[in-house]
Amino acid sequence: MFKKLNNIGDCGIVCDFGNEVNREINSYVIKLFH
């Protein structure tokens, strides 16, 4: 799944799946989104 969870300001977080951009990583992002 994701590699890092970071705060962005007071009211947000970023679920970071790494630096690569490919279909497999994007599918993990989309699954978590849904």
PDB file of all heavy atoms in Angstrom:
ATOM      1  N   MET A   1       0.840  -1.185   0.000  1.00  0.00           N
ATOM      2  CA  MET A   1       0.000   0.000   0.000  1.00  0.00           C
ATOM      3  C   MET A   1       0.881   1.243   0.000  1.00  0.00           C
ATOM      4  O   MET A   1       1.925   1.240  -0.608  1.00  0.00           O
ATOM      5  CB  MET A   1      -0.927  -0.010   1.210  1.00  0.00           C
ATOM      6  CG  MET A   1      -2.075  -1.021   1.174  1.00  0.00           C
ATOM      7  SD  MET A   1      -3.291  -0.790  -0.115  1.00  0.00           S
ATOM      8  CE  MET A   1      -4.074   0.706   0.331  1.00  0.00           C
ATOM      9  N   PHE A   2       0.441   2.262   0.737  1.00  0.00           N
ATOM     10  CA  PHE A   2       1.192   3.505   0.664  1.00  0.00           C
ATOM     11  C   PHE A   2       2.446   3.448   1.535  1.00  0.00           C
ATOM     12  O   PHE A   2       2.538   2.684   2.470  1.00  0.00           O
ATOM     13  CB  PHE A   2       0.324   4.729   0.982  1.00  0.00           C
ATOM     14  CG  PHE A   2      -0.344   4.744   2.323  1.00  0.00           C
ATOM     15  CD1 PHE A   2       0.298   5.264   3.418  1.00  0.00           C
ATOM     16  CD2 PHE A   2      -1.630   4.278   2.467  1.00  0.00           C
ATOM     17  CE1 PHE A   2      -0.316   5.307   4.646  1.00  0.00           C
ATOM     18  CE2 PHE A   2      -2.264   4.311   3.683  1.00  0.00           C
ATOM     19  CZ  PHE A   2      -1.606   4.820   4.776  1.00  0.00           C
ATOM     20  N   LYS A   3       3.407   4.294   1.170  1.00  0.00           N
ATOM     21  CA  LYS A   3       4.705   4.282   1.828  1.00  0.00           C
ATOM     22  C   LYS A   3       4.796   5.277   2.968  1.00  0.00           C
ATOM     23  O   LYS A   3       5.458   5.022   3.957  1.00  0.00           O
ATOM     24  CB  LYS A   3       5.812   4.556   0.815  1.00  0.00           C
ATOM     25  CG  LYS A   3       5.907   3.470  -0.224  1.00  0.00           C
ATOM     26  CD  LYS A   3       7.070   3.670  -1.133  1.00  0.00           C
ATOM     27  CE  LYS A   3       7.084   2.523  -2.128  1.00  0.00           C
ATOM     28  NZ  LYS A   3       8.374   2.226  -2.623  1.00  0.00           N
ATOM     29  N   LYS A   4       4.150   6.437   2.809  1.00  0.00           N
ATOM     30  CA  LYS A   4       4.208   7.478   3.834  1.00  0.00           C
ATOM     31  C   LYS A   4       2.849   8.130   4.000  1.00  0.00           C
ATOM     32  O   LYS A   4       2.069   8.208   3.057  1.00  0.00           O
ATOM     33  CB  LYS A   4       5.212   8.568   3.444  1.00  0.00           C
ATOM     34  CG  LYS A   4       6.646   8.157   3.459  1.00  0.00           C
ATOM     35  CD  LYS A   4       7.549   9.355   3.245  1.00  0.00           C
ATOM     36  CE  LYS A   4       7.682   9.625   1.771  1.00  0.00           C
ATOM     37  NZ  LYS A   4       8.626  10.709   1.462  1.00  0.00           N
ATOM     38  N   LEU A   5       2.612   8.607   5.202  1.00  0.00           N
ATOM     39  CA  LEU A   5       1.417   9.373   5.512  1.00  0.00           C
ATOM     40  C   LEU A   5       1.909  10.683   6.123  1.00  0.00           C
ATOM     41  O   LEU A   5       2.559  10.671   7.164  1.00  0.00           O
ATOM     42  CB  LEU A   5       0.541   8.607   6.509  1.00  0.00           C
ATOM     43  CG  LEU A   5      -0.822   9.155   6.820  1.00  0.00           C
ATOM     44  CD1 LEU A   5      -1.703   9.163   5.581  1.00  0.00           C
ATOM     45  CD2 LEU A   5      -1.489   8.328   7.900  1.00  0.00           C
ATOM     46  N   ASN A   6       1.641  11.805   5.458  1.00  0.00           N
ATOM     47  CA  ASN A   6       2.151  13.104   5.906  1.00  0.00           C
ATOM     48  C   ASN A   6       1.023  14.099   6.086  1.00  0.00           C
ATOM     49  O   ASN A   6       0.057  14.095   5.326  1.00  0.00           O
ATOM     50  CB  ASN A   6       3.125  13.679   4.865  1.00  0.00           C
ATOM     51  CG  ASN A   6       4.360  12.839   4.704  1.00  0.00           C
ATOM     52  OD1 ASN A   6       4.966  12.413   5.664  1.00  0.00           O
ATOM     53  ND2 ASN A   6       4.734  12.595   3.460  1.00  0.00           N
ATOM     54  N   ASN A   7       1.180  14.974   7.083  1.00  0.00           N
ATOM     55  CA  ASN A   7       0.252  16.088   7.254  1.00  0.00           C
ATOM     56  C   ASN A   7       0.557  17.139   6.204  1.00  0.00           C
ATOM     57  O   ASN A   7       1.717  17.370   5.866  1.00  0.00           O
ATOM     58  CB  ASN A   7       0.415  16.731   8.629  1.00  0.00           C
ATOM     59  CG  ASN A   7      -0.130  15.891   9.733  1.00  0.00           C
ATOM     60  OD1 ASN A   7      -1.010  15.079   9.525  1.00  0.00           O
ATOM     61  ND2 ASN A   7       0.392  16.069  10.926  1.00  0.00           N
ATOM     62  N   ILE A   8      -0.483  17.787   5.714  1.00  0.00           N
ATOM     63  CA  ILE A   8      -0.316  18.977   4.883  1.00  0.00           C
ATOM     64  C   ILE A   8      -1.178  20.067   5.503  1.00  0.00           C
ATOM     65  O   ILE A   8      -2.381  20.101   5.347  1.00  0.00           O
ATOM     66  CB  ILE A   8      -0.668  18.745   3.399  1.00  0.00           C
ATOM     67  CG1 ILE A   8      -2.039  18.133   3.228  1.00  0.00           C
ATOM     68  CG2 ILE A   8       0.374  17.928   2.706  1.00  0.00           C
ATOM     69  CD1 ILE A   8      -2.533  18.107   1.796  1.00  0.00           C
ATOM     70  N   GLY A   9      -0.562  20.892   6.273  1.00  0.00           N
ATOM     71  CA  GLY A   9      -1.290  21.930   6.990  1.00  0.00           C
ATOM     72  C   GLY A   9      -2.079  21.336   8.148  1.00  0.00           C
ATOM     73  O   GLY A   9      -1.814  20.223   8.602  1.00  0.00           O
ATOM     74  N   ASP A  10      -3.053  22.105   8.619  1.00  0.00           N
ATOM     75  CA  ASP A  10      -3.860  21.682   9.753  1.00  0.00           C
ATOM     76  C   ASP A  10      -4.970  20.710   9.387  1.00  0.00           C
ATOM     77  O   ASP A  10      -5.416  19.938  10.224  1.00  0.00           O
ATOM     78  CB  ASP A  10      -4.517  22.896  10.421  1.00  0.00           C
ATOM     79  CG  ASP A  10      -3.525  23.783  11.123  1.00  0.00           C
ATOM     80  OD1 ASP A  10      -2.401  23.313  11.382  1.00  0.00           O
ATOM     81  OD2 ASP A  10      -3.873  24.944  11.403  1.00  0.00           O
ATOM     82  N   CYS A  11      -5.424  20.773   8.148  1.00  0.00           N
ATOM     83  CA  CYS A  11      -6.635  20.029   7.827  1.00  0.00           C
ATOM     84  C   CYS A  11      -6.473  19.098   6.633  1.00  0.00           C
ATOM     85  O   CYS A  11      -7.409  18.911   5.855  1.00  0.00           O
ATOM     86  CB  CYS A  11      -7.787  20.983   7.605  1.00  0.00           C
ATOM     87  SG  CYS A  11      -7.509  22.151   6.273  1.00  0.00           S
ATOM     88  N   GLY A  12      -5.309  18.482   6.509  1.00  0.00           N
ATOM     89  CA  GLY A  12      -5.146  17.557   5.407  1.00  0.00           C
ATOM     90  C   GLY A  12      -3.996  16.591   5.615  1.00  0.00           C
ATOM     91  O   GLY A  12      -3.079  16.850   6.395  1.00  0.00           O
ATOM     92  N   ILE A  13      -4.085  15.474   4.923  1.00  0.00           N
ATOM     93  CA  ILE A  13      -3.014  14.485   4.917  1.00  0.00           C
ATOM     94  C   ILE A  13      -2.785  14.009   3.487  1.00  0.00           C
ATOM     95  O   ILE A  13      -3.662  14.111   2.641  1.00  0.00           O
ATOM     96  CB  ILE A  13      -3.308  13.274   5.833  1.00  0.00           C
ATOM     97  CG1 ILE A  13      -4.620  12.594   5.443  1.00  0.00           C
ATOM     98  CG2 ILE A  13      -3.304  13.658   7.290  1.00  0.00           C
ATOM     99  CD1 ILE A  13      -4.893  11.302   6.211  1.00  0.00           C
ATOM    100  N   VAL A  14      -1.581  13.505   3.247  1.00  0.00           N
ATOM    101  CA  VAL A  14      -1.236  12.929   1.951  1.00  0.00           C
ATOM    102  C   VAL A  14      -0.864  11.473   2.166  1.00  0.00           C
ATOM    103  O   VAL A  14       0.011  11.161   2.979  1.00  0.00           O
ATOM    104  CB  VAL A  14      -0.041  13.653   1.303  1.00  0.00           C
ATOM    105  CG1 VAL A  14       0.375  12.964   0.012  1.00  0.00           C
ATOM    106  CG2 VAL A  14      -0.356  15.094   1.043  1.00  0.00           C
ATOM    107  N   CYS A  15      -1.528  10.589   1.463  1.00  0.00           N
ATOM    108  CA  CYS A  15      -1.151   9.174   1.422  1.00  0.00           C
ATOM    109  C   CYS A  15      -0.224   9.038   0.227  1.00  0.00           C
ATOM    110  O   CYS A  15      -0.658   9.158  -0.923  1.00  0.00           O
ATOM    111  CB  CYS A  15      -2.383   8.298   1.244  1.00  0.00           C
ATOM    112  SG  CYS A  15      -3.616   8.492   2.524  1.00  0.00           S
ATOM    113  N   ASP A  16       1.041   8.811   0.491  1.00  0.00           N
ATOM    114  CA  ASP A  16       2.072   8.796  -0.549  1.00  0.00           C
ATOM    115  C   ASP A  16       2.427   7.354  -0.885  1.00  0.00           C
ATOM    116  O   ASP A  16       2.858   6.598  -0.025  1.00  0.00           O
ATOM    117  CB  ASP A  16       3.295   9.556  -0.038  1.00  0.00           C
ATOM    118  CG  ASP A  16       4.341   9.783  -1.094  1.00  0.00           C
ATOM    119  OD1 ASP A  16       4.347   9.068  -2.110  1.00  0.00           O
ATOM    120  OD2 ASP A  16       5.172  10.687  -0.889  1.00  0.00           O
ATOM    121  N   PHE A  17       2.260   6.995  -2.131  1.00  0.00           N
ATOM    122  CA  PHE A  17       2.528   5.636  -2.588  1.00  0.00           C
ATOM    123  C   PHE A  17       3.904   5.500  -3.225  1.00  0.00           C
ATOM    124  O   PHE A  17       4.216   4.484  -3.817  1.00  0.00           O
ATOM    125  CB  PHE A  17       1.449   5.199  -3.584  1.00  0.00           C
ATOM    126  CG  PHE A  17       0.111   4.950  -2.946  1.00  0.00           C
ATOM    127  CD1 PHE A  17      -0.711   6.004  -2.591  1.00  0.00           C
ATOM    128  CD2 PHE A  17      -0.322   3.662  -2.693  1.00  0.00           C
ATOM    129  CE1 PHE A  17      -1.947   5.783  -2.005  1.00  0.00           C
ATOM    130  CE2 PHE A  17      -1.563   3.427  -2.105  1.00  0.00           C
ATOM    131  CZ  PHE A  17      -2.368   4.491  -1.760  1.00  0.00           C
ATOM    132  N   GLY A  18       4.741   6.522  -3.120  1.00  0.00           N
ATOM    133  CA  GLY A  18       6.094   6.473  -3.658  1.00  0.00           C
ATOM    134  C   GLY A  18       6.274   7.421  -4.823  1.00  0.00           C
ATOM    135  O   GLY A  18       5.363   8.145  -5.216  1.00  0.00           O
ATOM    136  N   ASN A  19       7.480   7.418  -5.385  1.00  0.00           N
ATOM    137  CA  ASN A  19       7.820   8.360  -6.450  1.00  0.00           C
ATOM    138  C   ASN A  19       7.537   7.841  -7.851  1.00  0.00           C
ATOM    139  O   ASN A  19       7.486   8.618  -8.792  1.00  0.00           O
ATOM    140  CB  ASN A  19       9.299   8.739  -6.354  1.00  0.00           C
ATOM    141  CG  ASN A  19       9.580   9.534  -5.098  1.00  0.00           C
ATOM    142  OD1 ASN A  19       8.740  10.290  -4.639  1.00  0.00           O
ATOM    143  ND2 ASN A  19      10.746   9.349  -4.527  1.00  0.00           N
ATOM    144  N   GLU A  20       7.381   6.554  -7.997  1.00  0.00           N
ATOM    145  CA  GLU A  20       7.123   5.995  -9.317  1.00  0.00           C
ATOM    146  C   GLU A  20       5.713   6.324  -9.787  1.00  0.00           C
ATOM    147  O   GLU A  20       4.795   6.460  -8.985  1.00  0.00           O
ATOM    148  CB  GLU A  20       7.276   4.476  -9.300  1.00  0.00           C
ATOM    149  CG  GLU A  20       8.690   3.993  -9.322  1.00  0.00           C
ATOM    150  CD  GLU A  20       8.740   2.488  -9.514  1.00  0.00           C
ATOM    151  OE1 GLU A  20       8.196   1.994 -10.517  1.00  0.00           O
ATOM    152  OE2 GLU A  20       9.312   1.838  -8.634  1.00  0.00           O
ATOM    153  N   VAL A  21       5.575   6.432 -11.089  1.00  0.00           N
ATOM    154  CA  VAL A  21       4.260   6.614 -11.705  1.00  0.00           C
ATOM    155  C   VAL A  21       4.065   5.444 -12.661  1.00  0.00           C
ATOM    156  O   VAL A  21       4.736   5.341 -13.683  1.00  0.00           O
ATOM    157  CB  VAL A  21       4.171   7.955 -12.460  1.00  0.00           C
ATOM    158  CG1 VAL A  21       2.852   8.064 -13.190  1.00  0.00           C
ATOM    159  CG2 VAL A  21       4.363   9.113 -11.505  1.00  0.00           C
ATOM    160  N   ASN A  22       3.180   4.521 -12.281  1.00  0.00           N
ATOM    161  CA  ASN A  22       2.861   3.394 -13.153  1.00  0.00           C
ATOM    162  C   ASN A  22       1.445   2.917 -12.848  1.00  0.00           C
ATOM    163  O   ASN A  22       0.811   3.378 -11.895  1.00  0.00           O
ATOM    164  CB  ASN A  22       3.903   2.269 -13.026  1.00  0.00           C
ATOM    165  CG  ASN A  22       4.008   1.707 -11.624  1.00  0.00           C
ATOM    166  OD1 ASN A  22       2.997   1.394 -10.996  1.00  0.00           O
ATOM    167  ND2 ASN A  22       5.237   1.556 -11.132  1.00  0.00           N
ATOM    168  N   ARG A  23       0.949   2.007 -13.647  1.00  0.00           N
ATOM    169  CA  ARG A  23      -0.441   1.546 -13.488  1.00  0.00           C
ATOM    170  C   ARG A  23      -0.686   0.833 -12.173  1.00  0.00           C
ATOM    171  O   ARG A  23      -1.750   0.968 -11.577  1.00  0.00           O
ATOM    172  CB  ARG A  23      -0.818   0.629 -14.639  1.00  0.00           C
ATOM    173  CG  ARG A  23      -1.039   1.368 -15.910  1.00  0.00           C
ATOM    174  CD  ARG A  23      -1.536   0.460 -16.980  1.00  0.00           C
ATOM    175  NE  ARG A  23      -1.770   1.254 -18.183  1.00  0.00           N
ATOM    176  CZ  ARG A  23      -2.276   0.767 -19.270  1.00  0.00           C
ATOM    177  NH1 ARG A  23      -2.604  -0.510 -19.339  1.00  0.00           N
ATOM    178  NH2 ARG A  23      -2.463   1.540 -20.311  1.00  0.00           N
ATOM    179  N   GLU A  24       0.267   0.054 -11.706  1.00  0.00           N
ATOM    180  CA  GLU A  24       0.084  -0.689 -10.457  1.00  0.00           C
ATOM    181  C   GLU A  24      -0.074   0.263  -9.278  1.00  0.00           C
ATOM    182  O   GLU A  24      -1.011   0.120  -8.482  1.00  0.00           O
ATOM    183  CB  GLU A  24       1.271  -1.623 -10.225  1.00  0.00           C
ATOM    184  CG  GLU A  24       1.121  -2.450  -8.965  1.00  0.00           C
ATOM    185  CD  GLU A  24       2.311  -3.361  -8.712  1.00  0.00           C
ATOM    186  OE1 GLU A  24       3.349  -3.221  -9.392  1.00  0.00           O
ATOM    187  OE2 GLU A  24       2.185  -4.193  -7.815  1.00  0.00           O
ATOM    188  N   ILE A  25       0.806   1.242  -9.168  1.00  0.00           N
ATOM    189  CA  ILE A  25       0.710   2.212  -8.072  1.00  0.00           C
ATOM    190  C   ILE A  25      -0.570   3.020  -8.201  1.00  0.00           C
ATOM    191  O   ILE A  25      -1.283   3.242  -7.220  1.00  0.00           O
ATOM    192  CB  ILE A  25       1.957   3.113  -8.035  1.00  0.00           C
ATOM    193  CG1 ILE A  25       3.154   2.287  -7.555  1.00  0.00           C
ATOM    194  CG2 ILE A  25       1.737   4.323  -7.144  1.00  0.00           C
ATOM    195  CD1 ILE A  25       4.482   3.000  -7.597  1.00  0.00           C
ATOM    196  N   ASN A  26      -0.892   3.448  -9.422  1.00  0.00           N
ATOM    197  CA  ASN A  26      -2.113   4.216  -9.618  1.00  0.00           C
ATOM    198  C   ASN A  26      -3.347   3.409  -9.242  1.00  0.00           C
ATOM    199  O   ASN A  26      -4.308   3.947  -8.692  1.00  0.00           O
ATOM    200  CB  ASN A  26      -2.216   4.719 -11.063  1.00  0.00           C
ATOM    201  CG  ASN A  26      -3.407   5.603 -11.259  1.00  0.00           C
ATOM    202  OD1 ASN A  26      -4.359   5.218 -11.930  1.00  0.00           O
ATOM    203  ND2 ASN A  26      -3.367   6.787 -10.679  1.00  0.00           N
ATOM    204  N   SER A  27      -3.326   2.096  -9.487  1.00  0.00           N
ATOM    205  CA  SER A  27      -4.480   1.269  -9.113  1.00  0.00           C
ATOM    206  C   SER A  27      -4.652   1.221  -7.598  1.00  0.00           C
ATOM    207  O   SER A  27      -5.775   1.201  -7.103  1.00  0.00           O
ATOM    208  CB  SER A  27      -4.367  -0.135  -9.691  1.00  0.00           C
ATOM    209  OG  SER A  27      -3.383  -0.890  -9.040  1.00  0.00           O
ATOM    210  N   TYR A  28      -3.553   1.244  -6.836  1.00  0.00           N
ATOM    211  CA  TYR A  28      -3.652   1.300  -5.376  1.00  0.00           C
ATOM    212  C   TYR A  28      -4.266   2.624  -4.926  1.00  0.00           C
ATOM    213  O   TYR A  28      -5.102   2.657  -4.023  1.00  0.00           O
ATOM    214  CB  TYR A  28      -2.284   1.134  -4.719  1.00  0.00           C
ATOM    215  CG  TYR A  28      -1.673  -0.231  -4.858  1.00  0.00           C
ATOM    216  CD1 TYR A  28      -0.349  -0.382  -5.251  1.00  0.00           C
ATOM    217  CD2 TYR A  28      -2.404  -1.385  -4.586  1.00  0.00           C
ATOM    218  CE1 TYR A  28       0.231  -1.638  -5.368  1.00  0.00           C
ATOM    219  CE2 TYR A  28      -1.836  -2.639  -4.709  1.00  0.00           C
ATOM    220  CZ  TYR A  28      -0.523  -2.758  -5.102  1.00  0.00           C
ATOM    221  OH  TYR A  28       0.042  -4.000  -5.221  1.00  0.00           O
ATOM    222  N   VAL A  29      -3.842   3.717  -5.557  1.00  0.00           N
ATOM    223  CA  VAL A  29      -4.392   5.036  -5.226  1.00  0.00           C
ATOM    224  C   VAL A  29      -5.896   5.048  -5.495  1.00  0.00           C
ATOM    225  O   VAL A  29      -6.686   5.476  -4.651  1.00  0.00           O
ATOM    226  CB  VAL A  29      -3.692   6.149  -6.046  1.00  0.00           C
ATOM    227  CG1 VAL A  29      -4.385   7.492  -5.835  1.00  0.00           C
ATOM    228  CG2 VAL A  29      -2.219   6.243  -5.684  1.00  0.00           C
ATOM    229  N   ILE A  30      -6.300   4.550  -6.655  1.00  0.00           N
ATOM    230  CA  ILE A  30      -7.712   4.560  -7.031  1.00  0.00           C
ATOM    231  C   ILE A  30      -8.539   3.647  -6.128  1.00  0.00           C
ATOM    232  O   ILE A  30      -9.670   3.986  -5.749  1.00  0.00           O
ATOM    233  CB  ILE A  30      -7.878   4.186  -8.518  1.00  0.00           C
ATOM    234  CG1 ILE A  30      -7.168   5.213  -9.407  1.00  0.00           C
ATOM    235  CG2 ILE A  30      -9.342   4.048  -8.901  1.00  0.00           C
ATOM    236  CD1 ILE A  30      -7.609   6.642  -9.211  1.00  0.00           C
ATOM    237  N   LYS A  31      -7.986   2.506  -5.730  1.00  0.00           N
ATOM    238  CA  LYS A  31      -8.699   1.613  -4.805  1.00  0.00           C
ATOM    239  C   LYS A  31      -8.936   2.293  -3.469  1.00  0.00           C
ATOM    240  O   LYS A  31     -10.034   2.208  -2.899  1.00  0.00           O
ATOM    241  CB  LYS A  31      -7.922   0.316  -4.603  1.00  0.00           C
ATOM    242  CG  LYS A  31      -8.020  -0.640  -5.754  1.00  0.00           C
ATOM    243  CD  LYS A  31      -7.181  -1.878  -5.503  1.00  0.00           C
ATOM    244  CE  LYS A  31      -7.116  -2.742  -6.748  1.00  0.00           C
ATOM    245  NZ  LYS A  31      -6.251  -3.907  -6.578  1.00  0.00           N
ATOM    246  N   LEU A  32      -7.907   2.977  -2.937  1.00  0.00           N
ATOM    247  CA  LEU A  32      -8.074   3.687  -1.675  1.00  0.00           C
ATOM    248  C   LEU A  32      -9.071   4.831  -1.833  1.00  0.00           C
ATOM    249  O   LEU A  32      -9.909   5.051  -0.955  1.00  0.00           O
ATOM    250  CB  LEU A  32      -6.728   4.208  -1.165  1.00  0.00           C
ATOM    251  CG  LEU A  32      -6.758   4.938   0.172  1.00  0.00           C
ATOM    252  CD1 LEU A  32      -7.348   4.064   1.286  1.00  0.00           C
ATOM    253  CD2 LEU A  32      -5.363   5.407   0.548  1.00  0.00           C
ATOM    254  N   PHE A  33      -9.010   5.533  -2.955  1.00  0.00           N
ATOM    255  CA  PHE A  33      -9.955   6.609  -3.244  1.00  0.00           C
ATOM    256  C   PHE A  33     -11.394   6.090  -3.208  1.00  0.00           C
ATOM    257  O   PHE A  33     -12.262   6.665  -2.547  1.00  0.00           O
ATOM    258  CB  PHE A  33      -9.639   7.224  -4.613  1.00  0.00           C
ATOM    259  CG  PHE A  33     -10.694   8.150  -5.121  1.00  0.00           C
ATOM    260  CD1 PHE A  33     -10.795   9.445  -4.647  1.00  0.00           C
ATOM    261  CD2 PHE A  33     -11.595   7.732  -6.091  1.00  0.00           C
ATOM    262  CE1 PHE A  33     -11.766  10.310  -5.125  1.00  0.00           C
ATOM    263  CE2 PHE A  33     -12.572   8.586  -6.576  1.00  0.00           C
ATOM    264  CZ  PHE A  33     -12.659   9.877  -6.085  1.00  0.00           C
ATOM    265  N   HIS A  34     -11.664   4.980  -3.892  1.00  0.00           N
ATOM    266  CA  HIS A  34     -13.025   4.432  -3.933  1.00  0.00           C
ATOM    267  C   HIS A  34     -13.462   3.902  -2.567  1.00  0.00           C
ATOM    268  O   HIS A  34     -14.635   4.040  -2.194  1.00  0.00           O
ATOM    269  CB  HIS A  34     -13.141   3.346  -5.000  1.00  0.00           C
ATOM    270  CG  HIS A  34     -13.165   3.896  -6.387  1.00  0.00           C
ATOM    271  ND1 HIS A  34     -14.177   4.694  -6.868  1.00  0.00           N
ATOM    272  CD2 HIS A  34     -12.290   3.782  -7.403  1.00  0.00           C
ATOM    273  CE1 HIS A  34     -13.930   5.044  -8.106  1.00  0.00           C
ATOM    274  NE2 HIS A  34     -12.774   4.497  -8.462  1.00  0.00           N
TER     275      HIS A  34
END
